[in-house]
Protein backbone atom coordinates (compact mmCIF):
# COMPACT_ATOMS: atom_id res chain seq x y z
CA MET A 1 68.99 53.92 -74.67
CA LYS A 2 65.47 55.43 -75.73
CA LYS A 3 65.82 51.76 -78.49
CA HIS A 4 66.35 49.59 -75.03
CA VAL A 5 63.20 51.46 -73.37
CA ARG A 6 61.07 50.48 -76.37
CA ILE A 7 62.15 46.55 -76.99
CA LEU A 8 61.08 46.31 -72.78
CA ALA A 9 57.43 47.48 -73.66
CA ALA A 10 57.04 45.40 -76.35
CA ILE A 11 58.44 42.33 -74.36
CA ILE A 12 55.92 43.65 -71.53
CA LEU A 13 52.56 43.74 -73.71
CA LEU A 14 53.79 40.67 -75.72
CA LEU A 15 53.78 38.79 -72.02
CA ALA A 16 50.30 40.23 -71.19
CA PHE A 17 48.71 39.25 -74.36
CA GLY A 18 50.48 35.60 -73.80
CA LEU A 19 52.14 35.70 -77.16
CA PHE A 20 55.79 35.57 -75.72
CA THR A 21 56.83 32.87 -73.30
CA ILE A 22 59.81 32.61 -71.84
CA PRO A 23 60.97 29.01 -71.97
CA ALA A 24 60.20 26.63 -68.76
CA LYS A 25 63.59 24.82 -67.25
CA ALA A 26 63.88 21.43 -69.12
CA ALA A 27 62.88 18.36 -66.93
CA GLY A 28 65.18 15.28 -66.52
CA LYS A 29 64.31 13.03 -69.12
CA GLU A 30 61.64 10.24 -68.51
CA ILE A 31 62.95 6.72 -68.55
CA VAL A 32 59.95 4.86 -69.72
CA ASN A 33 58.45 6.12 -73.63
CA PRO A 34 55.04 4.11 -73.60
CA ASN A 35 54.54 5.13 -77.26
CA GLN A 36 55.78 2.05 -78.49
CA ALA A 37 55.39 -2.05 -78.64
CA TYR A 38 56.84 -2.43 -75.20
CA SER A 39 59.21 -5.59 -74.97
CA TYR A 40 60.42 -7.60 -72.40
CA ASN A 41 63.81 -6.76 -72.66
CA GLN A 42 62.97 -2.90 -72.78
CA MET A 43 61.15 -3.48 -69.54
CA VAL A 44 63.93 -5.25 -67.87
CA GLU A 45 66.47 -2.20 -68.88
CA ASP A 46 63.68 0.72 -67.69
CA ILE A 47 63.41 -0.80 -64.32
CA LYS A 48 67.28 -0.87 -63.82
CA LYS A 49 67.15 2.79 -64.68
CA LEU A 50 63.98 3.68 -62.35
CA GLN A 51 65.51 2.24 -59.24
CA LYS A 52 68.81 3.64 -59.99
CA SER A 53 67.43 7.13 -60.40
CA TYR A 54 65.11 6.81 -57.60
CA PRO A 55 66.85 4.46 -55.31
CA SER A 56 65.45 5.56 -51.73
CA LEU A 57 62.03 4.97 -53.48
CA ILE A 58 62.05 1.84 -55.74
CA ALA A 59 63.23 -1.27 -55.44
CA TYR A 60 62.83 -4.60 -57.90
CA LYS A 61 63.66 -8.34 -57.71
CA VAL A 62 63.09 -11.75 -59.68
CA ILE A 63 60.20 -13.70 -57.99
CA GLY A 64 60.53 -16.27 -60.52
CA LYS A 65 60.80 -17.17 -63.88
CA SER A 66 58.83 -18.09 -66.87
CA GLU A 67 58.33 -21.52 -68.53
CA TYR A 68 61.47 -19.98 -71.17
CA GLY A 69 63.51 -19.31 -68.09
CA ARG A 70 62.94 -15.51 -68.54
CA ASP A 71 62.93 -13.76 -65.10
CA ILE A 72 59.71 -12.08 -63.42
CA TYR A 73 60.24 -8.97 -62.26
CA ALA A 74 58.20 -6.84 -59.08
CA VAL A 75 58.84 -3.57 -58.54
CA SER A 76 57.91 -2.03 -55.05
CA LEU A 77 57.15 1.94 -55.03
CA GLY A 78 56.73 3.62 -51.65
CA LYS A 79 58.01 3.10 -48.33
CA GLY A 80 54.94 2.37 -45.86
CA THR A 81 53.97 -1.40 -44.44
CA ALA A 82 50.56 -1.34 -46.00
CA THR A 83 51.22 -2.68 -49.78
CA THR A 84 48.60 -2.80 -52.71
CA PHE A 85 49.78 -5.25 -55.59
CA ILE A 86 49.30 -4.01 -59.24
CA ASN A 87 50.05 -6.38 -62.64
CA GLY A 88 49.51 -6.59 -66.32
CA SER A 89 50.32 -8.84 -69.40
CA HIS A 90 48.54 -12.07 -67.56
CA HIS A 91 47.61 -12.21 -71.61
CA ALA A 92 50.21 -12.03 -74.33
CA ARG A 93 48.70 -9.76 -76.50
CA GLU A 94 47.74 -7.39 -73.25
CA TRP A 95 50.98 -5.92 -73.71
CA LEU A 96 49.52 -2.40 -73.59
CA THR A 97 48.92 -2.95 -69.93
CA THR A 98 52.66 -3.36 -68.99
CA ASN A 99 53.36 0.22 -70.97
CA LEU A 100 50.52 1.12 -68.33
CA ASN A 101 52.26 -0.45 -65.25
CA MET A 102 55.69 0.90 -66.08
CA TYR A 103 54.48 4.68 -67.29
CA MET A 104 52.43 4.57 -63.59
CA LEU A 105 55.60 4.34 -61.93
CA GLU A 106 57.15 6.78 -62.93
CA GLN A 107 55.16 8.92 -62.93
CA TYR A 108 53.88 8.12 -59.33
CA ALA A 109 57.50 8.62 -58.80
CA ILE A 110 58.40 11.84 -60.29
CA SER A 111 55.17 13.15 -58.71
CA TYR A 112 56.52 11.87 -54.92
CA GLN A 113 59.81 13.87 -56.01
CA LYS A 114 58.32 16.81 -57.14
CA LYS A 115 55.59 16.83 -54.38
CA THR A 116 52.72 17.11 -56.61
CA LYS A 117 49.25 15.39 -56.75
CA ILE A 118 47.93 13.50 -58.99
CA ASN A 119 44.27 13.27 -59.79
CA GLY A 120 44.13 15.35 -56.34
CA TYR A 121 45.82 12.43 -54.85
CA ASP A 122 48.88 13.41 -52.44
CA THR A 123 51.20 11.28 -53.72
CA GLN A 124 53.93 11.87 -50.63
CA LYS A 125 51.56 11.07 -48.16
CA ILE A 126 50.20 8.55 -49.88
CA LEU A 127 53.67 6.36 -50.96
CA ALA A 128 55.06 7.40 -47.56
CA ASN A 129 51.83 5.10 -46.06
CA THR A 130 52.40 2.53 -48.50
CA LYS A 131 54.27 0.76 -50.93
CA ILE A 132 52.73 -0.42 -54.07
CA TRP A 133 54.28 -3.64 -55.98
CA PHE A 134 54.02 -3.82 -59.84
CA VAL A 135 54.38 -6.74 -61.75
CA PRO A 136 54.36 -5.10 -64.94
CA MET A 137 54.55 -8.43 -67.33
CA VAL A 138 53.20 -11.89 -65.77
CA ASN A 139 53.52 -13.73 -69.09
CA PRO A 140 57.30 -12.26 -70.55
CA ASP A 141 57.47 -15.78 -72.93
CA GLY A 142 53.64 -14.75 -74.40
CA VAL A 143 54.32 -10.90 -74.89
CA THR A 144 57.64 -11.49 -76.62
CA LEU A 145 56.38 -14.56 -78.30
CA GLN A 146 53.48 -11.88 -79.72
CA GLN A 147 55.52 -9.48 -80.26
CA GLN A 148 58.24 -10.80 -82.00
CA GLY A 149 57.44 -14.29 -83.22
CA LEU A 150 59.32 -17.59 -83.67
CA LYS A 151 62.57 -15.45 -84.07
CA ALA A 152 62.89 -15.10 -80.41
CA PHE A 153 62.38 -19.04 -79.19
CA PRO A 154 64.81 -22.40 -80.03
CA LYS A 155 63.88 -23.81 -83.52
CA SER A 156 63.26 -26.97 -81.10
CA ALA A 157 60.01 -25.26 -79.96
CA HIS A 158 59.01 -23.63 -83.48
CA ALA A 159 56.60 -26.58 -84.72
CA GLY A 160 54.83 -26.98 -81.07
CA LEU A 161 54.18 -23.04 -81.22
CA ILE A 162 52.80 -23.71 -84.63
CA LYS A 163 50.66 -26.49 -83.96
CA MET A 164 49.14 -24.56 -80.58
CA ASN A 165 48.57 -21.71 -83.30
CA ASP A 166 46.32 -23.30 -85.09
CA GLY A 167 48.88 -23.90 -87.92
CA SER A 168 50.06 -20.01 -88.32
CA LYS A 169 53.52 -18.64 -87.93
CA ASN A 170 51.12 -15.16 -87.07
CA PHE A 171 51.18 -14.82 -83.48
CA LYS A 172 49.32 -11.42 -83.37
CA ARG A 173 46.21 -13.43 -81.42
CA TRP A 174 48.43 -15.10 -79.13
CA LYS A 175 47.32 -15.00 -75.29
CA ALA A 176 48.68 -17.88 -73.52
CA ASN A 177 52.11 -18.32 -72.06
CA ALA A 178 54.49 -20.27 -74.32
CA LYS A 179 54.01 -23.37 -73.12
CA GLY A 180 49.77 -23.08 -74.72
CA ILE A 181 48.50 -22.01 -71.05
CA ASP A 182 46.04 -19.25 -70.35
CA LEU A 183 47.74 -17.47 -67.39
CA ASN A 184 44.51 -15.89 -66.53
CA ARG A 185 42.66 -19.21 -66.19
CA GLN A 186 44.90 -21.47 -63.99
CA TYR A 187 44.44 -19.72 -60.67
CA ASP A 188 41.96 -21.92 -58.01
CA ALA A 189 38.85 -20.43 -57.93
CA GLY A 190 36.21 -21.97 -60.26
CA TRP A 191 38.51 -23.64 -62.03
CA LYS A 192 37.04 -26.79 -62.66
CA ASN A 193 33.65 -24.82 -63.50
CA ILE A 194 35.78 -22.85 -66.22
CA SER A 195 33.72 -22.65 -69.51
CA ASN A 196 34.71 -22.31 -72.78
CA ASN A 197 38.22 -24.21 -72.05
CA ALA A 198 40.07 -25.30 -75.31
CA LYS A 199 41.23 -29.19 -74.79
CA GLY A 200 44.92 -29.19 -74.94
CA PRO A 201 47.67 -26.32 -75.16
CA SER A 202 46.30 -23.41 -77.41
CA TYR A 203 47.03 -19.73 -78.19
CA SER A 204 43.97 -18.78 -75.86
CA HIS A 205 41.52 -20.35 -73.30
CA TYR A 206 43.57 -23.74 -72.37
CA LYS A 207 43.08 -23.68 -68.64
CA GLY A 208 46.01 -26.50 -67.70
CA LYS A 209 45.40 -29.54 -66.85
CA THR A 210 45.66 -28.46 -63.00
CA PRO A 211 45.69 -25.29 -61.35
CA ALA A 212 48.88 -23.09 -61.14
CA SER A 213 50.65 -25.47 -63.09
CA ALA A 214 52.20 -22.94 -64.75
CA LYS A 215 55.44 -21.09 -63.35
CA GLU A 216 54.56 -17.63 -64.23
CA VAL A 217 51.70 -18.52 -61.88
CA LYS A 218 52.84 -19.87 -59.43
CA ALA A 219 55.41 -17.30 -58.77
CA ILE A 220 52.35 -14.56 -58.33
CA LEU A 221 50.83 -16.96 -55.90
CA SER A 222 53.85 -17.14 -53.96
CA PHE A 223 54.50 -13.66 -54.25
CA VAL A 224 51.25 -12.29 -53.52
CA ASN A 225 51.69 -14.68 -49.96
CA SER A 226 54.69 -13.27 -49.22
CA ILE A 227 53.50 -9.34 -49.63
CA ASN A 228 49.82 -10.12 -48.49
CA PRO A 229 48.08 -6.69 -50.33
CA GLU A 230 45.23 -5.37 -49.02
CA MET A 231 43.92 -4.60 -52.44
CA SER A 232 45.14 -5.87 -56.19
CA VAL A 233 44.44 -4.69 -59.61
CA ALA A 234 45.42 -6.99 -62.65
CA TYR A 235 44.90 -4.94 -66.09
CA HIS A 236 43.78 -6.15 -69.25
CA THR A 237 42.49 -5.08 -72.61
CA SER A 238 40.14 -4.74 -74.08
CA GLY A 239 36.78 -3.16 -73.94
CA LYS A 240 36.65 -0.21 -71.50
CA ILE A 241 34.98 -2.45 -68.40
CA LEU A 242 35.55 -3.33 -64.97
CA TYR A 243 35.36 -6.82 -63.62
CA TRP A 244 35.26 -6.42 -59.16
CA ASN A 245 33.78 -9.18 -58.08
CA TYR A 246 33.69 -13.30 -57.80
CA LYS A 247 31.28 -14.89 -55.54
CA GLN A 248 32.03 -11.87 -52.48
CA THR A 249 28.95 -11.65 -50.21
CA THR A 250 30.99 -10.80 -47.02
CA HIS A 251 32.40 -7.28 -48.50
CA TYR A 252 30.00 -7.16 -51.26
CA LYS A 253 28.74 -3.51 -50.43
CA ARG A 254 32.53 -2.44 -49.63
CA ASP A 255 33.75 -3.92 -52.66
CA LEU A 256 30.73 -2.08 -54.78
CA ALA A 257 31.90 1.33 -53.34
CA TYR A 258 35.76 0.99 -54.65
CA ALA A 259 34.04 -0.90 -57.77
CA LYS A 260 31.89 2.50 -58.15
CA LYS A 261 34.54 4.83 -57.46
CA ILE A 262 37.18 3.58 -59.98
CA GLY A 263 34.90 3.17 -62.24
CA LYS A 264 33.76 6.72 -61.84
CA MET A 265 37.66 7.65 -62.30
CA THR A 266 38.32 5.92 -65.73
CA GLY A 267 34.58 6.02 -66.97
CA TYR A 268 34.40 1.77 -67.76
CA SER A 269 31.29 0.27 -67.30
CA LEU A 270 30.88 -2.11 -63.75
CA VAL A 271 30.64 -6.05 -64.60
CA TYR A 272 27.97 -7.47 -62.07
CA SER A 273 29.38 -11.32 -62.11
CA GLY A 274 26.41 -13.97 -62.08
CA LYS A 275 25.66 -16.76 -59.42
CA ASN A 276 27.87 -19.43 -61.09
CA PRO A 277 30.32 -16.87 -62.94
CA SER A 278 33.73 -18.50 -64.57
CA GLY A 279 36.47 -18.10 -62.43
CA GLY A 280 40.33 -19.27 -63.03
CA GLY A 281 41.11 -15.54 -63.63
CA PHE A 282 43.88 -13.90 -60.92
CA THR A 283 41.54 -11.45 -58.97
CA ASP A 284 38.41 -14.12 -58.74
CA TRP A 285 41.56 -15.93 -56.56
CA PHE A 286 42.66 -13.23 -54.89
CA ILE A 287 38.92 -12.20 -53.54
CA GLN A 288 37.99 -15.61 -52.75
CA THR A 289 41.22 -16.35 -51.07
CA LYS A 290 41.86 -13.13 -49.40
CA LYS A 291 38.63 -11.84 -49.08
CA ARG A 292 39.90 -8.16 -50.12
CA PRO A 293 39.01 -6.28 -52.99
CA GLY A 294 40.92 -6.89 -56.64
CA PHE A 295 39.68 -5.86 -59.35
CA THR A 296 40.59 -6.21 -63.08
CA PRO A 297 39.76 -3.10 -65.64
CA GLU A 298 39.89 -3.96 -69.21
CA ILE A 299 41.53 -0.55 -70.23
CA SER A 300 41.26 0.06 -74.12
CA LYS A 301 38.34 -0.36 -76.72
CA TYR A 302 37.30 -3.44 -77.63
CA TYR A 303 39.99 -5.51 -80.22
CA LYS A 304 39.11 -8.90 -81.19
CA ASP A 305 42.12 -11.30 -81.22
CA THR A 306 44.82 -8.65 -81.58
CA ASN A 307 46.93 -6.32 -79.38
CA PRO A 308 45.32 -3.13 -78.99
CA PRO A 309 46.99 0.02 -81.11
CA ILE A 310 49.25 2.22 -79.68
CA SER A 311 47.11 5.25 -79.76
CA GLU A 312 44.84 3.74 -76.86
CA PHE A 313 47.73 4.32 -74.31
CA ALA A 314 47.05 7.99 -74.30
CA GLY A 315 43.35 7.50 -73.31
CA SER A 316 43.89 4.32 -71.11
CA TRP A 317 46.51 6.52 -68.81
CA LYS A 318 44.13 9.45 -68.68
CA GLU A 319 41.60 7.31 -67.69
CA ASN A 320 43.65 5.58 -65.21
CA LYS A 321 46.41 7.53 -64.07
CA GLY A 322 44.86 8.47 -60.13
CA VAL A 323 43.82 4.33 -59.77
CA GLY A 324 47.32 3.13 -58.24
CA LEU A 325 46.94 6.25 -55.70
CA TYR A 326 43.60 5.20 -55.37
CA VAL A 327 43.43 2.09 -54.83
CA ALA A 328 46.97 2.51 -52.86
CA GLN A 329 45.35 4.74 -50.30
CA GLU A 330 42.56 2.44 -49.59
CA SER A 331 44.53 -0.05 -49.08
CA TYR A 332 46.35 1.81 -46.34
CA LYS A 333 43.07 2.33 -44.65
CA LEU A 334 42.14 -1.30 -44.72
CA TYR A 335 45.59 -2.28 -43.39
CA ASP A 336 44.84 0.59 -40.81
CA ASN A 337 41.52 -0.96 -39.64
CA ARG A 338 42.68 -4.13 -39.88
CA LYS A 339 45.97 -3.47 -37.76
CA LYS A 340 43.45 -1.99 -35.72
CA THR A 341 41.15 -5.00 -35.24
CA GLU A 342 44.39 -6.78 -34.62
CA LYS A 343 45.26 -4.74 -32.02
CA ASP A 344 41.72 -4.10 -29.97
CA LYS A 345 42.10 -8.15 -30.09
CA LEU A 346 45.60 -8.35 -28.26
CA GLU A 347 44.68 -5.68 -25.93
CA LYS A 348 41.80 -7.93 -24.52
CA GLU A 349 44.51 -10.64 -23.78
CA LEU A 350 46.81 -8.62 -22.73
CA LYS A 351 44.18 -7.03 -20.08
CA THR A 352 43.85 -10.72 -19.11
CA ILE A 353 47.80 -11.53 -19.20
CA GLN A 354 47.75 -8.18 -17.10
CA ALA A 355 45.63 -9.40 -14.04
CA SER A 356 47.60 -12.88 -14.49
CA ALA A 357 51.08 -11.20 -14.07
CA ARG A 358 49.43 -8.89 -10.74
CA ASN A 359 48.54 -11.75 -9.59
CA LEU A 360 52.12 -13.03 -9.66
CA LYS A 361 52.84 -10.46 -6.44
CA LYS A 362 50.85 -12.77 -4.42
CA TYR A 363 54.35 -15.50 -4.53
CA TYR A 364 57.10 -12.86 -4.24
CA SER A 365 55.68 -10.34 -1.50
CA THR A 366 52.20 -10.31 -0.49
CA ASN A 367 51.62 -14.05 1.15
CA ILE A 368 55.41 -13.87 2.22
CA LYS A 369 54.85 -13.71 5.95
CA SER A 370 58.06 -15.13 7.66
CA GLU A 371 60.86 -16.76 6.64
CA LYS A 372 59.83 -20.23 5.75
CA ASN A 373 57.47 -18.65 2.75
CA LEU A 374 60.83 -17.78 1.32
CA THR A 375 60.42 -20.72 -1.23
CA ILE A 376 59.44 -21.12 -4.81
CA SER A 377 56.11 -22.91 -5.33
CA LYS A 378 54.74 -24.98 -7.88
CA ALA A 379 51.97 -22.82 -8.59
CA PHE A 380 54.12 -19.93 -8.52
CA THR A 381 56.42 -21.63 -11.40
CA ASN A 382 53.80 -22.72 -12.94
CA ASP A 383 51.82 -19.33 -12.92
CA TYR A 384 54.80 -17.39 -14.01
CA ASN A 385 55.46 -19.64 -17.14
CA LYS A 386 52.03 -19.22 -18.19
CA VAL A 387 52.47 -15.16 -17.96
CA LYS A 388 55.44 -15.24 -19.29
CA ASN A 389 54.69 -17.56 -22.34
CA ASN A 390 51.96 -15.50 -23.24
CA ARG A 391 53.82 -12.04 -23.06
CA LYS A 392 56.29 -13.44 -25.32
CA ARG A 393 53.42 -14.64 -27.71
CA LEU A 394 51.59 -11.61 -27.89
CA GLU A 395 54.51 -9.66 -28.02
CA SER A 396 55.31 -11.03 -31.63
CA LYS A 397 52.41 -10.29 -32.76
CA SER A 398 52.38 -6.76 -31.33
CA LYS A 399 55.56 -5.86 -32.92
CA LYS A 400 54.08 -6.27 -36.68
CA LEU A 401 51.70 -3.56 -35.52
CA PRO A 402 52.15 0.22 -36.64
CA LEU A 403 54.26 1.69 -34.11
CA LYS A 404 51.14 4.10 -32.82
CA TYR A 405 49.58 0.93 -32.36
CA GLN A 406 52.69 -0.50 -30.34
CA ASN A 407 52.20 2.90 -28.33
CA GLN A 408 49.32 2.18 -27.24
CA LEU A 409 49.66 -1.49 -26.32
CA ALA A 410 53.25 -0.57 -24.50
CA GLY A 411 51.17 0.24 -20.57
CA TYR A 412 50.29 -3.48 -20.42
CA TYR A 413 53.69 -4.82 -21.30
CA LYS A 414 54.97 -2.36 -18.83
CA GLU A 415 53.39 -3.53 -15.87
CA ILE A 416 53.71 -7.35 -16.93
CA ASN A 417 57.21 -6.95 -17.72
CA LYS A 418 57.19 -5.26 -14.22
CA HIS A 419 55.89 -8.10 -12.71
CA LEU A 420 57.87 -10.63 -14.41
CA GLU A 421 61.27 -9.08 -13.12
CA HIS A 422 60.09 -8.74 -10.03
CA SER A 423 59.90 -12.30 -9.51
CA ASP A 424 62.70 -12.96 -11.98
CA ARG A 425 64.67 -10.99 -8.92
CA TYR A 426 62.55 -13.31 -6.71
CA PHE A 427 63.81 -16.38 -8.43
CA ALA A 428 66.84 -15.47 -8.53
CA MET A 429 67.31 -14.63 -4.67
CA ILE A 430 66.15 -18.18 -3.04
CA LYS A 431 67.89 -19.91 -5.48
CA GLN A 432 71.21 -18.30 -4.37
CA GLY A 433 70.22 -18.31 -1.30
CA ASP A 434 69.42 -21.93 -0.71
CA ILE A 435 72.90 -22.12 -2.59
CA LEU A 436 74.34 -19.75 0.25
CA VAL A 437 72.83 -22.26 2.55
CA LYS A 438 74.41 -25.65 1.13
CA ASP A 439 77.76 -23.43 0.98
CA GLU A 440 77.38 -22.52 4.38
CA LYS A 441 76.79 -26.40 5.81
CA ASP A 442 79.46 -27.84 3.77
CA LEU A 443 82.10 -25.07 5.23
CA VAL A 444 80.64 -26.27 9.06
CA ALA A 445 80.90 -29.99 8.40
CA LEU A 446 84.38 -29.65 6.91
CA PHE A 447 84.80 -27.79 10.54
CA LYS A 448 83.05 -30.43 12.80
CA SER A 449 85.15 -33.49 11.16
CA GLY A 450 88.03 -31.25 12.12
CA THR A 451 89.49 -30.89 8.58
CA MET A 452 91.45 -27.90 8.20
CA THR A 453 93.00 -28.60 4.88
CA THR A 454 93.31 -26.60 1.21
CA LYS A 455 89.67 -27.89 0.84
CA THR A 456 88.39 -26.27 3.69
CA VAL A 457 90.17 -22.91 2.39
CA ALA A 458 88.81 -23.58 -0.65
CA SER A 459 85.35 -24.26 0.76
CA SER A 460 85.46 -20.51 3.08
CA GLU A 461 86.50 -19.06 -0.42
CA LYS A 462 83.45 -20.00 -2.06
CA LEU A 463 81.21 -19.08 1.03
CA ALA A 464 82.33 -15.92 0.68
CA LYS A 465 81.72 -15.53 -3.13
CA SER A 466 78.33 -17.04 -2.34
CA ILE A 467 77.66 -14.19 0.57
CA GLY A 468 78.15 -11.43 -2.05
CA LYS A 469 76.17 -13.08 -4.89
CA THR A 470 73.56 -13.71 -2.24
CA ASP A 471 73.63 -10.22 -0.54
CA SER A 472 73.46 -8.25 -4.33
CA LEU A 473 70.26 -10.21 -5.31
CA ILE A 474 68.45 -9.27 -1.76
CA ASN A 475 69.63 -6.04 -2.22
CA LYS A 476 67.48 -6.02 -6.15
CA THR A 477 64.26 -6.96 -4.28
CA ALA A 478 62.50 -4.01 -4.14
CA ASP A 479 60.73 -4.97 -0.95
CA SER A 480 62.25 -3.91 2.19
CA ARG A 481 60.04 -6.24 4.22
CA ILE A 482 61.22 -9.47 2.12
CA LYS A 483 64.52 -7.93 2.03
CA LYS A 484 65.11 -8.11 5.68
CA LEU A 485 63.69 -11.68 6.19
CA ALA A 486 65.71 -13.05 3.71
CA GLN A 487 69.05 -11.55 4.89
CA ASN A 488 67.35 -13.05 8.05
CA LYS A 489 67.16 -16.61 6.62
CA TYR A 490 70.28 -16.32 4.44
CA THR A 491 73.44 -14.38 5.27
CA LYS A 492 72.84 -13.84 8.48
CA LYS A 493 74.00 -17.06 9.82
CA ALA A 494 76.29 -17.45 6.33
CA LYS A 495 78.13 -14.16 7.50
CA ALA A 496 78.36 -15.31 11.49
CA THR A 497 79.85 -18.56 10.28
CA LYS A 498 82.57 -16.82 8.06
CA LYS A 499 83.22 -14.80 10.29
CA ASN A 500 83.75 -17.36 12.95
CA THR A 501 85.85 -19.64 10.76
CA ASP A 502 87.99 -17.17 9.32
CA TYR A 503 90.38 -17.02 12.41
CA GLU A 504 90.87 -20.53 12.18
CA ILE A 505 91.54 -19.87 8.49
CA ASN A 506 93.71 -17.60 8.66
CA ARG A 507 95.40 -19.37 11.91
CA TYR A 508 95.64 -22.49 9.35
CA LYS A 509 97.10 -20.48 6.51
CA VAL A 510 99.45 -18.20 9.06
CA SER A 511 100.92 -21.95 10.00
CA ASN A 512 101.93 -22.90 6.41
CA GLU A 513 103.74 -20.05 6.11
CA MET A 514 105.55 -20.69 9.14
CA GLU A 515 106.16 -23.97 8.04
CA GLU A 516 107.97 -22.88 4.26
CA GLU A 517 110.00 -20.09 6.21
CA LEU A 518 111.26 -23.18 8.61
CA ASN A 519 111.91 -25.26 6.21
CA LYS A 520 113.96 -22.18 4.36
CA LYS A 521 115.65 -21.97 7.93
CA GLN A 522 114.27 -18.24 7.92
CA ILE A 523 114.09 -17.77 11.63
CA ALA A 524 113.52 -14.16 11.90
CA ALA A 525 110.08 -14.16 9.69
CA ALA A 526 109.37 -17.52 11.29
CA LYS A 527 109.46 -15.48 14.81
CA ARG A 528 107.12 -12.73 13.12
CA SER A 529 104.77 -15.02 11.86
CA LEU A 530 104.47 -17.26 15.05
CA ALA A 531 104.06 -13.59 16.78
CA THR A 532 101.16 -13.36 14.66
CA LEU A 533 99.61 -16.79 14.89
CA ASN A 534 99.60 -15.99 18.63
CA LYS A 535 97.85 -13.14 18.07
CA VAL A 536 95.01 -14.52 15.95
CA GLU A 537 94.95 -17.16 18.52
CA LYS A 538 94.12 -14.62 20.85
CA ASP A 539 91.50 -12.78 19.09
CA SER A 540 89.74 -15.77 17.81
CA LYS A 541 89.04 -16.76 21.98
CA THR A 542 88.16 -13.43 22.11
CA THR A 543 85.33 -13.17 19.27
CA LYS A 544 84.77 -16.14 20.12
CA THR A 545 83.84 -15.70 23.99
CA LYS A 546 82.53 -12.07 23.01
CA GLU A 547 79.82 -13.33 20.03
CA LYS A 548 79.39 -16.44 21.91
CA TYR A 549 80.71 -18.26 18.63
CA VAL A 550 80.45 -22.21 18.36
CA THR A 551 84.69 -23.48 18.91
CA TYR A 552 85.24 -26.48 17.04
CA GLN A 553 87.19 -28.41 19.22
CA LYS A 554 88.45 -30.93 16.33
CA VAL A 555 89.95 -27.97 14.73
CA GLU A 556 91.45 -26.35 17.73
CA ASN A 557 92.98 -29.35 18.67
CA TYR A 558 94.69 -29.57 15.33
CA LEU A 559 95.99 -25.89 15.24
CA ALA A 560 96.89 -26.19 18.52
CA LYS A 561 99.05 -29.19 18.13
CA ARG A 562 100.32 -27.81 14.69
CA LYS A 563 102.00 -24.82 16.32
CA GLN A 564 103.46 -26.90 19.44
CA THR A 565 105.51 -28.59 16.37
CA LEU A 566 106.01 -25.27 14.81
CA GLU A 567 107.15 -23.83 17.81
CA GLN A 568 109.71 -26.90 18.43
CA GLN A 569 110.99 -27.11 15.47
CA LEU A 570 111.98 -22.98 15.53
CA LYS A 571 113.41 -23.85 19.06
CA ASP A 572 115.31 -26.90 17.39
CA LEU A 573 116.48 -24.42 14.58
CA GLU A 574 117.14 -21.66 17.02
CA GLU A 575 119.34 -24.41 18.90
CA GLU A 576 120.94 -25.54 16.18
CA GLN A 577 122.15 -22.38 14.67
CA GLN A 578 123.52 -20.99 17.94
CA LYS A 579 125.81 -24.45 18.26
CA ASP A 580 126.99 -23.41 14.64
CA VAL A 581 128.11 -19.93 15.82
CA GLN A 582 129.85 -21.77 18.90
CA THR A 583 131.52 -24.01 16.57
CA GLU A 584 132.66 -20.73 14.37
CA THR A 585 134.05 -18.88 17.34
CA ALA A 586 135.63 -21.67 18.69
CA SER A 587 137.56 -22.59 15.75
């Protein structure tokens, strides 16, 4: 027991003086190893592993192919709607930037998962608001050629590659893509005025016959336009300097502030471009075309005509590990400010449309004083369509705003939609009311002409349905005054006509039933039908007298004549039946 106490005391003393440590729990094995000549194939393998390890945070897609058919990968990190774009290896011998891109991607994902901060930046918060897109290797052919030499390319291409390399089989100085075009001289920003340009395809400095002719650059341009990033960072080596401006005047102070912050983080010197800088670079194009901040950090010490050694990576990572998060954080601010500006502009337009929507009320309510005013004027239709079309146009724009700004605009849409809905109900009511008027007239016309056939029955049934539809639409009208006017104009008369003509329709139907029964010699049933017919006829006369309904004499004459015919047929059938009974009795 004493021995155990002595051992425990010794451990406590060792812990107190820091001479003994308890091993920490082993962390999960990291995927990206940046301390190597990082190849294209290794990058592709790691991208797929990262996506599987962080499926809710990381995604990837192929955005195009290189001149030799290698897929160009873009990888997203984060869940927000604001976007940032980071890329590497525009130049073949600068593949250390791919190491940095990939390591940054994984370290940010690890930090997000562990809820830690990097250089004071809250990874979870930033990646919840933004999505960082990486294209770690813009120039996969060039990188592969620089790292592996001719063996990675078909023999048919060897002679051309050697020629572009000034006869050398050593490709360590190679910057261009495998067709001899310098990708960072391919962008259409001051392209015509690029200085120090090679005369033809070369390992370095050939800008191509036209801007954006290289497949790799076409892929980047298309991709950037699709993700619409707020800021971009194109990593290069070497020199530990920061390019940040290209003929920028409007947002010079804004971008200078960002550049100074990145310069302070990395320790890189800012390069102030002159009045006529040589362009053609990715960030030159991005700044000029998008009018947004773009930065080109050169991440290592200066190395002439070769790749920086792996030993440069540790320092480069230390200098840049917070850059991606800073740029993403500021991208969200730019995005939010841009969306707020869009919201303010939409709000101004919505106020105008709201006023136009309120004006619709005069058409569907205020100016309606009598039944005669229950119409749809051309002015109403035109004003309604303008409000509806403008609302639809602005709605499509509003849906692109962050939810908080959509909510701020919701009140305008609510009122606009209210007036459009009232207008829609009014339109539907008037159109159906006009249909009801026609249906009522059609039935009256048949009665006036003395037509009592299945066509008349169908017309009556159609009127009944039309009355139901019109009633339903009138009841959806919020204005009780308009509702009463519409009932007087449309359903009151139609219902009276329906009630007035129902007796004659029923008499016609009962007559048909009685005729069928007589044909089948069903005397008892025919007598019951005749009794029903007499009752309906009596009720019809009573109602018409009481309600002062119109009597359609031609119909009355037709039904009366038909009734007489049926009564005679019944009488004849009864006499025939009586004779048959007498004959049977005599025999």
